[in-house]
Amino acid sequence: MRELGPTFYYSPDDRASGPGRDRLTSGPNQVEIGTSLYTLSEEAQRLLKRGVTSGYEHTRSVVVLNEPHEYVDGQFNLFKGLEVFFQDNPSLVGKTIFLAEGTPANQPISVQSLIQEEPNPSDDLIRQVLSSFLITGYTAYEWKHQQGIPIIGTEDKLLYKMSRQFAALCTKEPAMLFETLKYKDGTEFPIPLGWAWLFAITARNKRLAQTLTEKTNEYENPMLFVGSTHLAKIEDNVFQLIKDRMIDIGHMGPFGMLQYPPEIFGGYPLYLSVENDSENLGIHHYLERAKIGYTFFGSVERGVVGNEDTYAQLLTVQGKNAFAANKDYREYLEWFVSQKRQGTTVESNPEAAAELVRRLKALKKEQEDRPSEPQQGGIFDSGLRENTESNFGKTDIEDAHQTQVYPDNYRASRDADGPWHWTNQNLKEKDGKTEHIPPEDVKE
């Protein structure tokens, strides 16, 4: 990375036409994109954490951003961070393409269905939809601002499907084994399924980096959104062990690819993909080969734990529909809406997200039309208790959702600035029709 001098820099357009909107200050409030420097304001850096830079000689540079996966707060801050970044650098809008993890390479992702359902989404609605993980923070940015920034996929389809299946299995059962090697002397060597998952993640890097490299020839600012694990390689012996087991005797083990039906993993074509295209290299190494530098950013998560149950549920649903042209999200949407909830990325699906928006709007209207009736799930609207000092714990699951817990096992919760809802945790065998009567000392 070249040294940044004390002078002012301008984007290429400004250099041709004189001082313009993208004037840059010197020092840490800059980021190299293409062959120029652009503004990285303090406000943007409160939402997007500046991480590692490439550190090798390069002819141009790109921005790589962490995909927050199951962290709702991270997804929302990614959305807000992009808002600030493009406000600071408006000339970059027409020179940008978003490159999405989890979608086949060069496959476009359209937000038109979301725009048709709700052309002017509020930040509260965006946060609700982000919490379903059907869209990402950068998809939400284009939904709200409709600037025509293209969004396309980056993945080798078969390797991604394998990675997603391993992710779902490891999430469900972390101690699951890929295979147990048995030696002639009677000793055994158990291979964790997590090693196979790491292999799959690393094997995907070649296509991810290839898509990014190709787009540097068309766009000044191709922005790649991937999990930070993709930057690096894994241990050589682990990578080679898993690759050898899959290639040489993969059909013998319980997780050998030739044992998997094609509709789940891809069968023989995937076998060939692993044999011919997988290398133990991170995106860092592929970009170094191409002499493309990078700056890595993570979205600020403020320590908020993501909703792993929701994320795992979506992974499972997408796994069931692995090779379907049109995935069926109805069961997931019904499950998600009923919950009232606010590693390998799931596949973005704006069409299913648009259906979620429709359902959320219908649910909100139904609640507004029946303000005095119990809400779905049998909890009543009511204020906090008079004696708020009895509260022994307050948990901010995310900015838009708050929970207050009391020593007598009552819980009050609300979304954003909406009404407080009560749940009596003392009741046994609760279900969606259970009526939870608020404690007597609540404020109406």
Protein backbone atom coordinates (compact mmCIF):
# COMPACT_ATOMS: atom_id res chain seq x y z
CA MET A 1 0.00 0.00 0.00
CA ARG A 2 1.48 3.32 -0.98
CA GLU A 3 2.08 6.06 1.55
CA LEU A 4 -0.60 8.72 1.76
CA GLY A 5 0.89 12.18 1.51
CA PRO A 6 -0.37 15.38 3.11
CA THR A 7 -1.93 16.66 -0.12
CA PHE A 8 -5.56 16.49 -1.17
CA TYR A 9 -6.62 13.77 -3.59
CA TYR A 10 -9.57 13.65 -5.94
CA SER A 11 -11.47 10.90 -7.68
CA PRO A 12 -10.65 10.48 -11.40
CA ASP A 13 -13.69 12.53 -12.46
CA ASP A 14 -12.65 15.41 -10.23
CA ARG A 15 -9.09 15.39 -11.53
CA ALA A 16 -10.45 15.94 -15.03
CA SER A 17 -12.95 18.65 -14.11
CA GLY A 18 -11.38 20.39 -11.14
CA PRO A 19 -12.43 20.29 -7.48
CA GLY A 20 -15.72 18.45 -7.06
CA ARG A 21 -17.86 16.60 -4.58
CA ASP A 22 -15.42 13.82 -3.76
CA ARG A 23 -12.58 15.87 -2.31
CA LEU A 24 -10.50 13.82 0.09
CA THR A 25 -8.69 14.65 3.28
CA SER A 26 -5.31 13.18 4.05
CA GLY A 27 -4.56 10.61 6.72
CA PRO A 28 -6.68 7.68 7.89
CA ASN A 29 -9.94 8.97 6.41
CA GLN A 30 -9.17 7.55 2.98
CA VAL A 31 -9.43 4.24 1.19
CA GLU A 32 -7.77 3.17 -2.04
CA ILE A 33 -10.20 2.01 -4.74
CA GLY A 34 -9.07 1.36 -8.29
CA THR A 35 -6.07 3.64 -8.67
CA SER A 36 -7.43 6.54 -6.62
CA LEU A 37 -8.20 7.52 -3.04
CA TYR A 38 -11.71 8.06 -1.74
CA THR A 39 -13.22 9.41 1.45
CA LEU A 40 -13.64 7.10 4.43
CA SER A 41 -15.24 9.40 6.98
CA GLU A 42 -15.24 8.91 10.73
CA GLU A 43 -19.00 8.38 10.55
CA ALA A 44 -18.53 5.55 8.05
CA GLN A 45 -15.83 4.00 10.23
CA ARG A 46 -18.22 3.93 13.19
CA LEU A 47 -20.29 1.47 11.14
CA LEU A 48 -17.61 -0.28 9.07
CA LYS A 49 -14.48 -1.41 10.91
CA ARG A 50 -11.33 -1.00 8.89
CA GLY A 51 -9.37 -4.26 9.02
CA VAL A 52 -6.37 -5.71 7.24
CA THR A 53 -4.88 -4.38 4.01
CA SER A 54 -3.11 -6.45 1.39
CA GLY A 55 0.46 -5.33 2.17
CA TYR A 56 1.95 -6.31 -1.19
CA GLU A 57 2.72 -4.39 -4.39
CA HIS A 58 -0.32 -3.92 -6.58
CA THR A 59 -1.51 -2.06 -9.65
CA ARG A 60 -5.02 -1.29 -8.39
CA SER A 61 -7.08 -1.91 -5.26
CA VAL A 62 -10.53 -3.11 -4.23
CA VAL A 63 -12.69 -3.16 -1.12
CA VAL A 64 -13.67 -6.49 0.47
CA LEU A 65 -16.36 -6.35 3.17
CA ASN A 66 -17.24 -8.94 5.76
CA GLU A 67 -20.62 -10.61 5.21
CA PRO A 68 -22.07 -10.59 8.77
CA HIS A 69 -24.00 -13.85 8.21
CA GLU A 70 -26.24 -14.47 11.26
CA TYR A 71 -25.54 -11.11 12.97
CA VAL A 72 -28.61 -8.92 12.44
CA ASP A 73 -26.91 -5.91 13.96
CA GLY A 74 -23.95 -6.40 11.65
CA GLN A 75 -26.22 -6.61 8.58
CA PHE A 76 -28.03 -3.43 9.59
CA ASN A 77 -24.77 -1.56 10.22
CA LEU A 78 -23.47 -2.76 6.85
CA PHE A 79 -26.57 -1.20 5.27
CA LYS A 80 -26.10 2.07 7.19
CA GLY A 81 -22.35 2.10 6.55
CA LEU A 82 -22.92 1.86 2.80
CA GLU A 83 -25.34 4.77 3.05
CA VAL A 84 -22.67 6.96 4.60
CA PHE A 85 -19.94 5.74 2.24
CA PHE A 86 -21.88 6.58 -0.92
CA GLN A 87 -23.07 9.89 0.51
CA ASP A 88 -19.39 10.74 0.94
CA ASN A 89 -18.42 9.39 -2.51
CA PRO A 90 -21.38 9.94 -4.87
CA SER A 91 -19.28 9.64 -8.02
CA LEU A 92 -18.63 5.96 -7.16
CA VAL A 93 -22.29 4.93 -7.42
CA GLY A 94 -22.20 4.46 -11.19
CA LYS A 95 -18.86 2.64 -10.98
CA THR A 96 -19.91 0.04 -8.39
CA ILE A 97 -21.08 -3.56 -8.53
CA PHE A 98 -21.95 -5.66 -5.46
CA LEU A 99 -20.53 -9.20 -5.52
CA ALA A 100 -22.56 -11.58 -3.40
CA GLU A 101 -21.42 -14.68 -1.55
CA GLY A 102 -23.87 -17.59 -1.66
CA THR A 103 -25.16 -17.09 -5.23
CA PRO A 104 -23.76 -18.72 -8.43
CA ALA A 105 -21.14 -16.65 -10.24
CA ASN A 106 -22.54 -13.88 -12.47
CA GLN A 107 -26.14 -14.76 -11.61
CA PRO A 108 -27.97 -11.44 -11.11
CA ILE A 109 -29.89 -10.67 -7.92
CA SER A 110 -32.82 -8.34 -8.52
CA VAL A 111 -34.50 -6.25 -5.81
CA GLN A 112 -37.40 -5.31 -8.08
CA SER A 113 -39.90 -7.51 -6.22
CA LEU A 114 -39.03 -5.71 -2.97
CA ILE A 115 -39.35 -2.31 -4.61
CA GLN A 116 -42.74 -3.24 -6.04
CA GLU A 117 -43.97 -4.44 -2.65
CA GLU A 118 -42.58 -1.45 -0.73
CA PRO A 119 -40.83 1.32 -2.71
CA ASN A 120 -40.05 3.44 0.36
CA PRO A 121 -39.00 1.07 3.16
CA SER A 122 -38.37 2.51 6.60
CA ASP A 123 -35.25 1.58 8.52
CA ASP A 124 -37.47 -0.35 10.96
CA LEU A 125 -38.93 -2.45 8.15
CA ILE A 126 -35.47 -3.02 6.69
CA ARG A 127 -34.22 -4.26 10.06
CA GLN A 128 -37.16 -6.66 10.33
CA VAL A 129 -36.49 -8.10 6.89
CA LEU A 130 -32.74 -8.32 7.56
CA SER A 131 -33.51 -10.37 10.66
CA SER A 132 -35.01 -13.03 8.37
CA PHE A 133 -31.64 -13.32 6.53
CA LEU A 134 -33.49 -13.50 3.22
CA ILE A 135 -31.55 -10.42 2.15
CA THR A 136 -28.25 -8.86 3.20
CA GLY A 137 -27.23 -5.35 4.24
CA TYR A 138 -26.00 -4.46 0.75
CA THR A 139 -29.18 -5.80 -0.87
CA ALA A 140 -31.15 -3.63 1.55
CA TYR A 141 -29.10 -0.62 0.47
CA GLU A 142 -30.11 -1.03 -3.18
CA TRP A 143 -33.72 -1.74 -2.17
CA LYS A 144 -33.96 1.56 -0.31
CA HIS A 145 -31.92 3.82 -2.58
CA GLN A 146 -32.62 2.22 -5.98
CA GLN A 147 -29.43 3.55 -7.56
CA GLY A 148 -29.13 0.80 -10.14
CA ILE A 149 -26.06 -0.82 -8.56
CA PRO A 150 -25.88 -4.35 -10.03
CA ILE A 151 -25.74 -7.30 -7.64
CA ILE A 152 -24.39 -10.62 -8.93
CA GLY A 153 -23.22 -13.92 -7.44
CA THR A 154 -19.64 -15.15 -7.13
CA GLU A 155 -19.83 -18.87 -6.36
CA ASP A 156 -18.94 -22.18 -7.93
CA LYS A 157 -22.43 -23.62 -7.68
CA LEU A 158 -21.49 -27.18 -6.75
CA LEU A 159 -18.80 -26.29 -4.22
CA TYR A 160 -21.17 -23.82 -2.55
CA LYS A 161 -23.94 -26.44 -2.27
CA MET A 162 -21.48 -28.81 -0.60
CA SER A 163 -20.31 -26.06 1.75
CA ARG A 164 -23.87 -25.19 2.71
CA GLN A 165 -24.73 -28.80 3.44
CA PHE A 166 -21.67 -29.17 5.67
CA ALA A 167 -22.58 -25.88 7.39
CA ALA A 168 -26.11 -27.10 8.14
CA LEU A 169 -24.83 -30.42 9.48
CA CYS A 170 -22.12 -28.81 11.64
CA THR A 171 -24.58 -26.26 13.01
CA LYS A 172 -26.99 -29.02 13.96
CA GLU A 173 -24.36 -31.40 15.38
CA PRO A 174 -20.94 -29.75 15.99
CA ALA A 175 -19.30 -33.02 17.05
CA MET A 176 -20.32 -34.94 13.92
CA LEU A 177 -17.54 -36.89 12.19
CA PHE A 178 -16.70 -36.83 8.50
CA GLU A 179 -15.01 -40.22 8.65
CA THR A 180 -12.96 -42.41 10.99
CA LEU A 181 -9.73 -43.77 9.55
CA LYS A 182 -8.77 -47.23 10.79
CA TYR A 183 -5.17 -48.36 10.68
CA LYS A 184 -3.74 -51.90 10.56
CA ASP A 185 -2.51 -51.71 14.13
CA GLY A 186 -6.09 -51.15 15.30
CA THR A 187 -5.77 -47.45 16.03
CA GLU A 188 -8.36 -45.02 14.74
CA PHE A 189 -8.19 -41.40 13.59
CA PRO A 190 -11.52 -39.54 13.70
CA ILE A 191 -11.86 -36.73 11.13
CA PRO A 192 -14.26 -33.98 12.27
CA LEU A 193 -16.92 -32.90 9.82
CA GLY A 194 -15.77 -29.36 10.60
CA TRP A 195 -12.55 -30.08 8.67
CA ALA A 196 -14.60 -30.97 5.62
CA TRP A 197 -16.55 -27.74 6.03
CA LEU A 198 -13.29 -25.74 6.17
CA PHE A 199 -12.12 -27.57 3.06
CA ALA A 200 -15.32 -26.62 1.23
CA ILE A 201 -15.03 -22.97 2.32
CA THR A 202 -11.45 -22.80 1.06
CA ALA A 203 -12.18 -24.62 -2.20
CA ARG A 204 -14.76 -21.93 -3.03
CA ASN A 205 -12.17 -19.14 -2.88
CA LYS A 206 -10.88 -19.66 -6.41
CA ARG A 207 -14.22 -18.79 -8.04
CA LEU A 208 -14.92 -15.96 -5.58
CA ALA A 209 -11.59 -14.31 -6.40
CA GLN A 210 -11.98 -14.98 -10.13
CA THR A 211 -15.31 -13.14 -10.22
CA LEU A 212 -13.84 -10.20 -8.33
CA THR A 213 -10.80 -10.05 -10.61
CA GLU A 214 -12.96 -10.16 -13.74
CA LYS A 215 -15.11 -7.28 -12.54
CA THR A 216 -12.11 -5.02 -11.91
CA ASN A 217 -11.90 -4.79 -15.71
CA GLU A 218 -15.46 -3.42 -15.89
CA TYR A 219 -15.95 -1.43 -12.67
CA GLU A 220 -13.82 0.96 -10.67
CA ASN A 221 -15.43 -0.28 -7.45
CA PRO A 222 -16.39 -3.98 -7.42
CA MET A 223 -17.25 -4.61 -3.76
CA LEU A 224 -16.93 -8.24 -2.63
CA PHE A 225 -19.00 -9.32 0.39
CA VAL A 226 -17.67 -12.53 2.00
CA GLY A 227 -16.97 -14.01 5.39
CA SER A 228 -13.52 -13.19 6.73
CA THR A 229 -12.54 -16.90 6.71
CA HIS A 230 -12.27 -16.71 2.93
CA LEU A 231 -9.28 -14.36 3.04
CA ALA A 232 -6.85 -17.02 4.28
CA LYS A 233 -5.93 -20.61 3.54
CA ILE A 234 -6.26 -23.47 6.04
CA GLU A 235 -3.59 -25.89 7.22
CA ASP A 236 -2.13 -27.73 4.23
CA ASN A 237 -2.35 -31.16 5.85
CA VAL A 238 -6.05 -30.72 6.69
CA PHE A 239 -6.90 -29.51 3.18
CA GLN A 240 -4.98 -32.30 1.48
CA LEU A 241 -6.38 -34.98 3.79
CA ILE A 242 -9.99 -34.05 3.02
CA LYS A 243 -9.30 -33.66 -0.69
CA ASP A 244 -7.57 -37.06 -0.86
CA ARG A 245 -10.41 -38.76 0.99
CA MET A 246 -12.96 -37.24 -1.38
CA ILE A 247 -11.03 -38.09 -4.53
CA ASP A 248 -9.40 -41.44 -3.79
CA ILE A 249 -11.91 -43.29 -1.65
CA GLY A 250 -14.72 -40.77 -1.30
CA HIS A 251 -17.32 -43.34 -2.34
CA MET A 252 -16.48 -45.57 0.66
CA GLY A 253 -17.13 -43.18 3.57
CA PRO A 254 -20.53 -42.20 4.95
CA PHE A 255 -19.90 -38.64 3.71
CA GLY A 256 -18.17 -39.61 0.45
CA MET A 257 -19.52 -37.54 -2.40
CA LEU A 258 -20.40 -40.50 -4.60
CA GLN A 259 -22.72 -41.67 -1.83
CA TYR A 260 -24.64 -38.40 -1.94
CA PRO A 261 -27.55 -38.23 -4.37
CA PRO A 262 -27.05 -35.57 -7.08
CA GLU A 263 -30.01 -33.49 -5.86
CA ILE A 264 -28.18 -32.89 -2.55
CA PHE A 265 -24.53 -32.46 -3.50
CA GLY A 266 -24.17 -32.73 -7.27
CA GLY A 267 -22.75 -36.24 -7.63
CA TYR A 268 -19.95 -36.87 -10.12
CA PRO A 269 -19.69 -33.28 -11.46
CA LEU A 270 -18.86 -32.13 -7.94
CA TYR A 271 -16.31 -34.94 -7.65
CA LEU A 272 -14.56 -33.56 -10.72
CA SER A 273 -14.78 -30.00 -9.41
CA VAL A 274 -13.03 -31.00 -6.19
CA GLU A 275 -10.35 -32.92 -8.07
CA ASN A 276 -9.58 -30.30 -10.71
CA ASP A 277 -10.42 -26.88 -9.26
CA SER A 278 -9.79 -26.90 -5.52
CA GLU A 279 -6.62 -25.23 -4.18
CA ASN A 280 -5.63 -24.39 -0.63
CA LEU A 281 -5.46 -20.64 -1.18
CA GLY A 282 -7.29 -17.70 0.33
CA ILE A 283 -8.71 -14.75 -1.58
CA HIS A 284 -5.63 -12.85 -0.37
CA HIS A 285 -3.37 -15.19 -2.37
CA TYR A 286 -5.44 -15.07 -5.56
CA LEU A 287 -5.53 -11.26 -5.49
CA GLU A 288 -1.78 -11.14 -4.86
CA ARG A 289 -1.26 -13.25 -8.00
CA ALA A 290 -3.32 -10.72 -9.96
CA LYS A 291 -1.52 -7.76 -8.34
CA ILE A 292 -4.81 -6.42 -6.98
CA GLY A 293 -4.57 -4.90 -3.52
CA TYR A 294 -7.46 -4.80 -1.07
CA THR A 295 -8.74 -3.23 2.13
CA PHE A 296 -10.94 -5.43 4.30
CA PHE A 297 -13.83 -4.00 6.32
CA GLY A 298 -16.05 -5.60 8.94
CA SER A 299 -19.43 -4.21 9.97
CA VAL A 300 -19.61 -3.08 13.60
CA GLU A 301 -21.64 -5.59 15.61
CA ARG A 302 -21.29 -4.02 19.06
CA GLY A 303 -21.06 -7.47 20.61
CA VAL A 304 -24.67 -8.33 19.77
CA VAL A 305 -25.13 -12.07 19.32
CA GLY A 306 -26.92 -13.05 16.16
CA ASN A 307 -29.99 -15.23 15.90
CA GLU A 308 -28.32 -18.53 15.08
CA ASP A 309 -31.59 -20.50 15.32
CA THR A 310 -33.18 -18.44 12.55
CA TYR A 311 -30.06 -18.65 10.41
CA ALA A 312 -29.85 -22.42 10.87
CA GLN A 313 -33.53 -22.79 9.99
CA LEU A 314 -32.96 -20.97 6.69
CA LEU A 315 -29.84 -23.04 5.94
CA THR A 316 -31.93 -26.19 6.38
CA VAL A 317 -34.73 -24.93 4.11
CA GLN A 318 -32.29 -23.94 1.38
CA GLY A 319 -30.52 -27.29 1.69
CA LYS A 320 -33.78 -29.12 1.04
CA ASN A 321 -34.23 -27.08 -2.14
CA ALA A 322 -30.55 -27.18 -3.10
CA PHE A 323 -30.98 -27.51 -6.87
CA ALA A 324 -34.55 -26.30 -7.27
CA ALA A 325 -34.97 -23.44 -9.74
CA ASN A 326 -37.58 -21.83 -7.50
CA LYS A 327 -37.07 -22.54 -3.82
CA ASP A 328 -40.16 -22.94 -1.62
CA TYR A 329 -39.90 -20.53 1.32
CA ARG A 330 -43.52 -20.72 2.49
CA GLU A 331 -42.81 -22.95 5.47
CA TYR A 332 -39.88 -20.77 6.55
CA LEU A 333 -41.91 -17.55 6.24
CA GLU A 334 -44.75 -18.98 8.30
CA TRP A 335 -42.26 -20.13 10.93
CA PHE A 336 -40.41 -16.80 11.00
CA VAL A 337 -43.51 -14.60 11.28
CA SER A 338 -44.90 -16.81 14.05
CA GLN A 339 -41.67 -16.41 16.07
CA LYS A 340 -41.84 -12.59 16.27
CA ARG A 341 -38.04 -12.56 16.21
CA GLN A 342 -36.21 -9.69 15.13
CA GLY A 343 -20.31 -19.28 9.16
CA THR A 344 -21.31 -20.06 5.39
CA THR A 345 -23.72 -17.47 4.16
CA VAL A 346 -27.27 -18.34 3.14
CA GLU A 347 -28.39 -17.55 -0.38
CA SER A 348 -30.02 -14.15 -0.78
CA ASN A 349 -33.62 -14.26 -2.01
CA PRO A 350 -35.32 -10.86 -2.50
CA GLU A 351 -38.48 -12.50 -3.89
CA ALA A 352 -39.06 -14.41 -0.65
CA ALA A 353 -38.17 -11.23 1.26
CA ALA A 354 -40.85 -9.35 -0.68
CA GLU A 355 -43.39 -11.97 0.39
CA LEU A 356 -42.20 -11.48 3.98
CA VAL A 357 -42.75 -7.71 3.64
CA ARG A 358 -46.27 -8.38 2.42
CA ARG A 359 -46.97 -10.62 5.40
CA LEU A 360 -45.46 -8.19 7.88
CA LYS A 361 -47.56 -5.34 6.49
CA ALA A 362 -50.69 -7.49 6.66
CA LEU A 363 -49.88 -8.51 10.24
CA LYS A 364 -49.31 -4.88 11.24
CA LYS A 365 -52.61 -3.81 9.69
CA GLU A 366 -54.42 -6.65 11.46
CA GLN A 367 -52.93 -5.56 14.78
CA GLU A 368 -53.85 -1.92 14.16
CA ASP A 369 -57.42 -2.93 13.33
CA ARG A 370 -57.67 -4.95 16.58
CA PRO A 371 -55.68 -2.94 19.16
CA SER A 372 -57.57 -4.29 22.18
CA GLU A 373 -57.39 -7.95 21.25
CA PRO A 374 -54.62 -10.41 22.13
CA GLN A 375 -51.88 -10.56 19.51
CA GLN A 376 -50.92 -13.75 17.72
CA GLY A 377 -49.21 -15.91 20.30
CA GLY A 378 -51.58 -14.99 23.15
CA ILE A 379 -49.69 -12.05 24.69
CA PHE A 380 -51.42 -8.84 25.72
CA ASP A 381 -50.38 -5.25 25.00
CA SER A 382 -49.55 -3.40 28.20
CA GLY A 383 -47.01 -1.00 29.69
CA LEU A 384 -44.15 -1.70 32.04
CA ARG A 385 -44.75 -2.36 35.73
CA GLU A 386 -44.92 0.45 38.23
CA ASN A 387 -42.05 -1.03 40.22
CA THR A 388 -39.38 -1.03 37.53
CA GLU A 389 -36.71 -1.53 40.18
CA SER A 390 -37.82 -5.13 40.40
CA ASN A 391 -36.29 -5.63 36.97
CA PHE A 392 -33.13 -7.70 37.39
CA GLY A 393 -32.06 -7.84 33.78
CA LYS A 394 -32.55 -5.99 30.52
CA THR A 395 -31.40 -7.52 27.27
CA ASP A 396 -31.15 -5.54 24.04
CA ILE A 397 -31.32 -8.34 21.50
CA GLU A 398 -30.92 -5.63 18.89
CA ASP A 399 -31.67 -1.93 18.69
CA ALA A 400 -35.25 -2.56 17.58
CA HIS A 401 -36.10 -5.18 20.20
CA GLN A 402 -36.03 -4.89 23.98
CA THR A 403 -36.77 -7.34 26.78
CA GLN A 404 -37.31 -6.77 30.50
CA VAL A 405 -37.22 -9.77 32.86
CA TYR A 406 -38.56 -9.75 36.43
CA PRO A 407 -37.78 -11.94 39.46
CA ASP A 408 -41.28 -13.42 39.51
CA ASN A 409 -40.65 -14.84 36.02
CA TYR A 410 -42.70 -12.37 34.00
CA ARG A 411 -41.15 -11.03 30.81
CA ALA A 412 -42.05 -7.86 28.89
CA SER A 413 -40.80 -7.27 25.35
CA ARG A 414 -41.41 -4.92 22.47
CA ASP A 415 -40.22 -4.14 18.92
CA ALA A 416 -38.87 -0.61 18.27
CA ASP A 417 -41.30 1.87 19.86
CA GLY A 418 -44.27 -0.46 19.76
CA PRO A 419 -46.37 -1.63 22.71
CA TRP A 420 -44.98 -3.86 25.46
CA HIS A 421 -46.14 -7.48 25.40
CA TRP A 422 -46.22 -9.75 28.44
CA THR A 423 -45.33 -13.42 28.77
CA ASN A 424 -45.79 -15.42 31.97
CA GLN A 425 -42.82 -17.77 32.10
CA ASN A 426 -44.37 -19.65 35.05
CA LEU A 427 -46.92 -21.29 32.77
CA LYS A 428 -46.12 -24.80 31.61
CA GLU A 429 -46.79 -26.27 28.19
CA LYS A 430 -47.18 -22.85 26.53
CA ASP A 431 -48.18 -22.73 22.88
CA GLY A 432 -49.28 -20.10 20.37
CA LYS A 433 -52.80 -19.95 21.81
CA THR A 434 -51.83 -19.55 25.46
CA GLU A 435 -53.16 -16.33 27.00
CA HIS A 436 -50.56 -14.61 29.16
CA ILE A 437 -52.36 -12.26 31.57
CA PRO A 438 -50.07 -9.37 32.63
CA PRO A 439 -49.17 -8.99 36.32
CA GLU A 440 -51.46 -6.78 38.35
CA ASP A 441 -49.01 -3.93 38.90
CA VAL A 442 -48.44 -3.03 35.23
CA LYS A 443 -49.09 0.46 33.90
CA GLU A 444 -51.84 0.52 31.29
